[in-house]
PDB file of all heavy atoms in Angstrom:
ATOM      1  N   HIS A   1      -7.345   5.106   0.202  1.00  0.00           N
ATOM      2  CA  HIS A   1      -7.504   5.635  -1.155  1.00  0.00           C
ATOM      3  C   HIS A   1      -6.575   6.824  -1.299  1.00  0.00           C
ATOM      4  O   HIS A   1      -6.838   7.895  -0.680  1.00  0.00           O
ATOM      5  CB  HIS A   1      -8.963   6.013  -1.402  1.00  0.00           C
ATOM      6  CG  HIS A   1      -9.267   6.330  -2.863  1.00  0.00           C
ATOM      7  ND1 HIS A   1      -9.517   5.360  -3.803  1.00  0.00           N
ATOM      8  CD2 HIS A   1      -9.306   7.528  -3.536  1.00  0.00           C
ATOM      9  CE1 HIS A   1      -9.755   5.881  -4.947  1.00  0.00           C
ATOM     10  NE2 HIS A   1      -9.584   7.250  -4.830  1.00  0.00           N
ATOM     11  N   GLY A   2      -5.501   6.678  -2.062  1.00  0.00           N
ATOM     12  CA  GLY A   2      -4.528   7.708  -2.199  1.00  0.00           C
ATOM     13  C   GLY A   2      -3.192   7.232  -1.693  1.00  0.00           C
ATOM     14  O   GLY A   2      -2.948   6.026  -1.593  1.00  0.00           O
ATOM     15  N   ALA A   3      -2.317   8.153  -1.352  1.00  0.00           N
ATOM     16  CA  ALA A   3      -0.960   7.817  -0.893  1.00  0.00           C
ATOM     17  C   ALA A   3      -0.998   7.282   0.548  1.00  0.00           C
ATOM     18  O   ALA A   3      -1.686   7.808   1.378  1.00  0.00           O
ATOM     19  CB  ALA A   3      -0.044   9.051  -0.982  1.00  0.00           C
ATOM     20  N   GLY A   4      -0.271   6.171   0.787  1.00  0.00           N
ATOM     21  CA  GLY A   4      -0.284   5.584   2.130  1.00  0.00           C
ATOM     22  C   GLY A   4       0.806   4.567   2.325  1.00  0.00           C
ATOM     23  O   GLY A   4       1.540   4.183   1.351  1.00  0.00           O
ATOM     24  N   VAL A   5       0.952   4.084   3.557  1.00  0.00           N
ATOM     25  CA  VAL A   5       1.909   3.043   3.897  1.00  0.00           C
ATOM     26  C   VAL A   5       1.190   1.982   4.716  1.00  0.00           C
ATOM     27  O   VAL A   5       0.558   2.263   5.729  1.00  0.00           O
ATOM     28  CB  VAL A   5       3.085   3.648   4.753  1.00  0.00           C
ATOM     29  CG1 VAL A   5       4.058   2.481   5.089  1.00  0.00           C
ATOM     30  CG2 VAL A   5       3.779   4.737   4.001  1.00  0.00           C
ATOM     31  N   PHE A   6       1.293   0.729   4.232  1.00  0.00           N
ATOM     32  CA  PHE A   6       0.743  -0.403   4.957  1.00  0.00           C
ATOM     33  C   PHE A   6       1.905  -1.218   5.477  1.00  0.00           C
ATOM     34  O   PHE A   6       2.840  -1.514   4.748  1.00  0.00           O
ATOM     35  CB  PHE A   6      -0.125  -1.246   4.039  1.00  0.00           C
ATOM     36  CG  PHE A   6      -0.371  -2.648   4.604  1.00  0.00           C
ATOM     37  CD1 PHE A   6      -1.337  -2.841   5.584  1.00  0.00           C
ATOM     38  CD2 PHE A   6       0.377  -3.719   4.183  1.00  0.00           C
ATOM     39  CE1 PHE A   6      -1.547  -4.099   6.113  1.00  0.00           C
ATOM     40  CE2 PHE A   6       0.177  -4.990   4.700  1.00  0.00           C
ATOM     41  CZ  PHE A   6      -0.800  -5.173   5.684  1.00  0.00           C
ATOM     42  N   THR A   7       1.832  -1.628   6.797  1.00  0.00           N
ATOM     43  CA  THR A   7       2.899  -2.473   7.425  1.00  0.00           C
ATOM     44  C   THR A   7       2.205  -3.747   7.917  1.00  0.00           C
ATOM     45  O   THR A   7       1.235  -3.711   8.616  1.00  0.00           O
ATOM     46  CB  THR A   7       3.546  -1.741   8.574  1.00  0.00           C
ATOM     47  OG1 THR A   7       3.986  -0.449   8.193  1.00  0.00           O
ATOM     48  CG2 THR A   7       4.710  -2.493   9.102  1.00  0.00           C
ATOM     49  N   SER A   8       2.810  -4.859   7.532  1.00  0.00           N
ATOM     50  CA  SER A   8       2.264  -6.167   7.878  1.00  0.00           C
ATOM     51  C   SER A   8       2.760  -6.616   9.236  1.00  0.00           C
ATOM     52  O   SER A   8       3.619  -5.940   9.829  1.00  0.00           O
ATOM     53  CB  SER A   8       2.627  -7.208   6.829  1.00  0.00           C
ATOM     54  OG  SER A   8       4.004  -7.554   6.949  1.00  0.00           O
ATOM     55  N   SER A   9       2.247  -7.712   9.737  1.00  0.00           N
ATOM     56  CA  SER A   9       2.625  -8.198  11.033  1.00  0.00           C
ATOM     57  C   SER A   9       4.089  -8.674  11.143  1.00  0.00           C
ATOM     58  O   SER A   9       4.613  -8.814  12.230  1.00  0.00           O
ATOM     59  CB  SER A   9       1.710  -9.353  11.472  1.00  0.00           C
ATOM     60  OG  SER A   9       1.768 -10.382  10.517  1.00  0.00           O
ATOM     61  N   ASN A  10       4.700  -8.991  10.000  1.00  0.00           N
ATOM     62  CA  ASN A  10       6.106  -9.403  10.012  1.00  0.00           C
ATOM     63  C   ASN A  10       7.056  -8.299   9.595  1.00  0.00           C
ATOM     64  O   ASN A  10       8.169  -8.550   9.121  1.00  0.00           O
ATOM     65  CB  ASN A  10       6.332 -10.629   9.189  1.00  0.00           C
ATOM     66  CG  ASN A  10       5.989 -10.402   7.709  1.00  0.00           C
ATOM     67  OD1 ASN A  10       5.547  -9.319   7.381  1.00  0.00           O
ATOM     68  ND2 ASN A  10       6.212 -11.398   6.871  1.00  0.00           N
ATOM     69  N   SER A  11       6.579  -7.025   9.644  1.00  0.00           N
ATOM     70  CA  SER A  11       7.378  -5.839   9.435  1.00  0.00           C
ATOM     71  C   SER A  11       7.646  -5.580   7.953  1.00  0.00           C
ATOM     72  O   SER A  11       8.453  -4.739   7.600  1.00  0.00           O
ATOM     73  CB  SER A  11       8.678  -5.856  10.221  1.00  0.00           C
ATOM     74  OG  SER A  11       8.425  -5.758  11.601  1.00  0.00           O
ATOM     75  N   GLU A  12       7.004  -6.322   7.026  1.00  0.00           N
ATOM     76  CA  GLU A  12       7.098  -5.958   5.633  1.00  0.00           C
ATOM     77  C   GLU A  12       6.141  -4.777   5.386  1.00  0.00           C
ATOM     78  O   GLU A  12       5.148  -4.611   6.080  1.00  0.00           O
ATOM     79  CB  GLU A  12       6.712  -7.146   4.766  1.00  0.00           C
ATOM     80  CG  GLU A  12       7.700  -8.256   4.814  1.00  0.00           C
ATOM     81  CD  GLU A  12       7.275  -9.433   3.889  1.00  0.00           C
ATOM     82  OE1 GLU A  12       6.142  -9.938   4.065  1.00  0.00           O
ATOM     83  OE2 GLU A  12       8.006  -9.781   3.012  1.00  0.00           O
ATOM     84  N   TYR A  13       6.513  -3.911   4.437  1.00  0.00           N
ATOM     85  CA  TYR A  13       5.702  -2.786   4.247  1.00  0.00           C
ATOM     86  C   TYR A  13       5.438  -2.453   2.784  1.00  0.00           C
ATOM     87  O   TYR A  13       6.229  -2.895   1.898  1.00  0.00           O
ATOM     88  CB  TYR A  13       6.311  -1.534   4.893  1.00  0.00           C
ATOM     89  CG  TYR A  13       7.535  -0.977   4.203  1.00  0.00           C
ATOM     90  CD1 TYR A  13       7.397   0.130   3.387  1.00  0.00           C
ATOM     91  CD2 TYR A  13       8.762  -1.536   4.393  1.00  0.00           C
ATOM     92  CE1 TYR A  13       8.501   0.666   2.728  1.00  0.00           C
ATOM     93  CE2 TYR A  13       9.894  -0.999   3.758  1.00  0.00           C
ATOM     94  CZ  TYR A  13       9.761   0.079   2.948  1.00  0.00           C
ATOM     95  OH  TYR A  13      10.853   0.624   2.279  1.00  0.00           O
ATOM     96  N   VAL A  14       4.367  -1.807   2.510  1.00  0.00           N
ATOM     97  CA  VAL A  14       4.031  -1.388   1.157  1.00  0.00           C
ATOM     98  C   VAL A  14       3.798   0.126   1.208  1.00  0.00           C
ATOM     99  O   VAL A  14       2.972   0.605   2.015  1.00  0.00           O
ATOM    100  CB  VAL A  14       2.740  -2.082   0.659  1.00  0.00           C
ATOM    101  CG1 VAL A  14       2.377  -1.556  -0.761  1.00  0.00           C
ATOM    102  CG2 VAL A  14       2.867  -3.567   0.644  1.00  0.00           C
ATOM    103  N   GLU A  15       4.477   0.846   0.411  1.00  0.00           N
ATOM    104  CA  GLU A  15       4.329   2.330   0.352  1.00  0.00           C
ATOM    105  C   GLU A  15       4.000   2.747  -1.062  1.00  0.00           C
ATOM    106  O   GLU A  15       4.683   2.355  -2.003  1.00  0.00           O
ATOM    107  CB  GLU A  15       5.547   3.028   0.838  1.00  0.00           C
ATOM    108  CG  GLU A  15       5.451   4.559   0.843  1.00  0.00           C
ATOM    109  CD  GLU A  15       6.679   5.256   1.437  1.00  0.00           C
ATOM    110  OE1 GLU A  15       7.663   4.491   1.792  1.00  0.00           O
ATOM    111  OE2 GLU A  15       6.646   6.436   1.579  1.00  0.00           O
ATOM    112  N   GLY A  16       2.944   3.482  -1.241  1.00  0.00           N
ATOM    113  CA  GLY A  16       2.556   3.896  -2.576  1.00  0.00           C
ATOM    114  C   GLY A  16       1.124   4.355  -2.626  1.00  0.00           C
ATOM    115  O   GLY A  16       0.586   4.851  -1.668  1.00  0.00           O
ATOM    116  N   ASP A  17       0.482   4.136  -3.751  1.00  0.00           N
ATOM    117  CA  ASP A  17      -0.877   4.577  -3.976  1.00  0.00           C
ATOM    118  C   ASP A  17      -1.845   3.383  -3.757  1.00  0.00           C
ATOM    119  O   ASP A  17      -1.574   2.248  -4.160  1.00  0.00           O
ATOM    120  CB  ASP A  17      -1.086   5.129  -5.388  1.00  0.00           C
ATOM    121  CG  ASP A  17      -0.360   6.463  -5.569  1.00  0.00           C
ATOM    122  OD1 ASP A  17      -0.250   7.203  -4.527  1.00  0.00           O
ATOM    123  OD2 ASP A  17       0.077   6.779  -6.704  1.00  0.00           O
ATOM    124  N   PHE A  18      -2.983   3.730  -3.150  1.00  0.00           N
ATOM    125  CA  PHE A  18      -4.063   2.772  -2.924  1.00  0.00           C
ATOM    126  C   PHE A  18      -5.320   3.270  -3.654  1.00  0.00           C
ATOM    127  O   PHE A  18      -5.525   4.489  -3.733  1.00  0.00           O
ATOM    128  CB  PHE A  18      -4.369   2.611  -1.436  1.00  0.00           C
ATOM    129  CG  PHE A  18      -3.243   1.869  -0.684  1.00  0.00           C
ATOM    130  CD1 PHE A  18      -2.075   2.515  -0.379  1.00  0.00           C
ATOM    131  CD2 PHE A  18      -3.367   0.543  -0.346  1.00  0.00           C
ATOM    132  CE1 PHE A  18      -1.065   1.845   0.260  1.00  0.00           C
ATOM    133  CE2 PHE A  18      -2.377  -0.141   0.362  1.00  0.00           C
ATOM    134  CZ  PHE A  18      -1.247   0.541   0.687  1.00  0.00           C
ATOM    135  N   HIS A  19      -6.100   2.321  -4.118  1.00  0.00           N
ATOM    136  CA  HIS A  19      -7.368   2.655  -4.784  1.00  0.00           C
ATOM    137  C   HIS A  19      -8.440   1.710  -4.191  1.00  0.00           C
ATOM    138  O   HIS A  19      -8.422   0.536  -4.396  1.00  0.00           O
ATOM    139  CB  HIS A  19      -7.283   2.468  -6.299  1.00  0.00           C
ATOM    140  CG  HIS A  19      -8.543   2.840  -7.003  1.00  0.00           C
ATOM    141  ND1 HIS A  19      -8.872   4.154  -7.324  1.00  0.00           N
ATOM    142  CD2 HIS A  19      -9.574   2.064  -7.509  1.00  0.00           C
ATOM    143  CE1 HIS A  19     -10.068   4.168  -7.927  1.00  0.00           C
ATOM    144  NE2 HIS A  19     -10.487   2.936  -8.041  1.00  0.00           N
ATOM    145  N   ARG A  20      -9.430   2.323  -3.558  1.00  0.00           N
ATOM    146  CA  ARG A  20     -10.545   1.579  -2.929  1.00  0.00           C
ATOM    147  C   ARG A  20     -10.063   0.401  -2.108  1.00  0.00           C
ATOM    148  O   ARG A  20     -10.582  -0.720  -2.220  1.00  0.00           O
ATOM    149  CB  ARG A  20     -11.527   1.086  -4.015  1.00  0.00           C
ATOM    150  CG  ARG A  20     -12.157   2.239  -4.848  1.00  0.00           C
ATOM    151  CD  ARG A  20     -12.939   3.160  -3.978  1.00  0.00           C
ATOM    152  NE  ARG A  20     -13.612   4.212  -4.719  1.00  0.00           N
ATOM    153  CZ  ARG A  20     -14.167   5.275  -4.174  1.00  0.00           C
ATOM    154  NH1 ARG A  20     -14.063   5.453  -2.864  1.00  0.00           N
ATOM    155  NH2 ARG A  20     -14.780   6.229  -4.936  1.00  0.00           N
ATOM    156  N   GLY A  21      -9.028   0.617  -1.319  1.00  0.00           N
ATOM    157  CA  GLY A  21      -8.568  -0.426  -0.403  1.00  0.00           C
ATOM    158  C   GLY A  21      -7.505  -1.380  -0.980  1.00  0.00           C
ATOM    159  O   GLY A  21      -7.021  -2.239  -0.287  1.00  0.00           O
ATOM    160  N   ARG A  22      -7.158  -1.193  -2.255  1.00  0.00           N
ATOM    161  CA  ARG A  22      -6.214  -2.080  -2.837  1.00  0.00           C
ATOM    162  C   ARG A  22      -4.939  -1.310  -3.362  1.00  0.00           C
ATOM    163  O   ARG A  22      -5.059  -0.161  -3.786  1.00  0.00           O
ATOM    164  CB  ARG A  22      -6.787  -2.813  -4.082  1.00  0.00           C
ATOM    165  CG  ARG A  22      -7.986  -3.706  -3.695  1.00  0.00           C
ATOM    166  CD  ARG A  22      -8.536  -4.443  -4.902  1.00  0.00           C
ATOM    167  NE  ARG A  22      -7.534  -5.355  -5.435  1.00  0.00           N
ATOM    168  CZ  ARG A  22      -7.376  -6.569  -4.991  1.00  0.00           C
ATOM    169  NH1 ARG A  22      -8.077  -7.048  -3.942  1.00  0.00           N
ATOM    170  NH2 ARG A  22      -6.408  -7.384  -5.504  1.00  0.00           N
ATOM    171  N   TYR A  23      -3.816  -1.969  -3.196  1.00  0.00           N
ATOM    172  CA  TYR A  23      -2.567  -1.370  -3.596  1.00  0.00           C
ATOM    173  C   TYR A  23      -2.495  -1.266  -5.121  1.00  0.00           C
ATOM    174  O   TYR A  23      -2.860  -2.190  -5.812  1.00  0.00           O
ATOM    175  CB  TYR A  23      -1.378  -2.206  -3.081  1.00  0.00           C
ATOM    176  CG  TYR A  23      -0.006  -1.780  -3.565  1.00  0.00           C
ATOM    177  CD1 TYR A  23       0.495  -0.531  -3.159  1.00  0.00           C
ATOM    178  CD2 TYR A  23       0.715  -2.578  -4.401  1.00  0.00           C
ATOM    179  CE1 TYR A  23       1.776  -0.140  -3.619  1.00  0.00           C
ATOM    180  CE2 TYR A  23       1.977  -2.182  -4.845  1.00  0.00           C
ATOM    181  CZ  TYR A  23       2.515  -0.984  -4.445  1.00  0.00           C
ATOM    182  OH  TYR A  23       3.756  -0.626  -4.900  1.00  0.00           O
ATOM    183  N   VAL A  24      -2.042  -0.094  -5.623  1.00  0.00           N
ATOM    184  CA  VAL A  24      -1.968   0.125  -7.067  1.00  0.00           C
ATOM    185  C   VAL A  24      -0.533  -0.158  -7.520  1.00  0.00           C
ATOM    186  O   VAL A  24       0.411   0.565  -7.089  1.00  0.00           O
ATOM    187  CB  VAL A  24      -2.360   1.575  -7.433  1.00  0.00           C
ATOM    188  CG1 VAL A  24      -2.192   1.754  -8.953  1.00  0.00           C
ATOM    189  CG2 VAL A  24      -3.798   1.798  -7.008  1.00  0.00           C
ATOM    190  N   ASP A  25      -0.355  -1.172  -8.312  1.00  0.00           N
ATOM    191  CA  ASP A  25       0.960  -1.530  -8.869  1.00  0.00           C
ATOM    192  C   ASP A  25       1.336  -0.489  -9.914  1.00  0.00           C
ATOM    193  O   ASP A  25       0.700  -0.439 -10.981  1.00  0.00           O
ATOM    194  CB  ASP A  25       0.918  -2.939  -9.441  1.00  0.00           C
ATOM    195  CG  ASP A  25       2.311  -3.450  -9.872  1.00  0.00           C
ATOM    196  OD1 ASP A  25       3.215  -2.597 -10.029  1.00  0.00           O
ATOM    197  OD2 ASP A  25       2.456  -4.671  -9.963  1.00  0.00           O
ATOM    198  N   PRO A  26       2.343   0.305  -9.664  1.00  0.00           N
ATOM    199  CA  PRO A  26       2.671   1.346 -10.679  1.00  0.00           C
ATOM    200  C   PRO A  26       3.190   0.789 -12.017  1.00  0.00           C
ATOM    201  O   PRO A  26       3.143   1.511 -13.031  1.00  0.00           O
ATOM    202  CB  PRO A  26       3.787   2.161  -9.994  1.00  0.00           C
ATOM    203  CG  PRO A  26       4.384   1.230  -8.984  1.00  0.00           C
ATOM    204  CD  PRO A  26       3.251   0.360  -8.538  1.00  0.00           C
ATOM    205  N   ASP A  27       3.656  -0.458 -12.012  1.00  0.00           N
ATOM    206  CA  ASP A  27       4.176  -1.046 -13.266  1.00  0.00           C
ATOM    207  C   ASP A  27       3.188  -1.856 -14.037  1.00  0.00           C
ATOM    208  O   ASP A  27       3.432  -2.363 -15.119  1.00  0.00           O
ATOM    209  CB  ASP A  27       5.359  -1.999 -12.926  1.00  0.00           C
ATOM    210  CG  ASP A  27       6.583  -1.163 -12.458  1.00  0.00           C
ATOM    211  OD1 ASP A  27       6.619   0.058 -12.694  1.00  0.00           O
ATOM    212  OD2 ASP A  27       7.454  -1.785 -11.766  1.00  0.00           O
TER     213      ASP A  27
END
């Protein structure tokens, strides 16, 4: 919850804001 970076098992990553465990799409 808040700013963070998630990295998947195939090295893809998501960096941004999370809310209650879910990535927040800024668009």
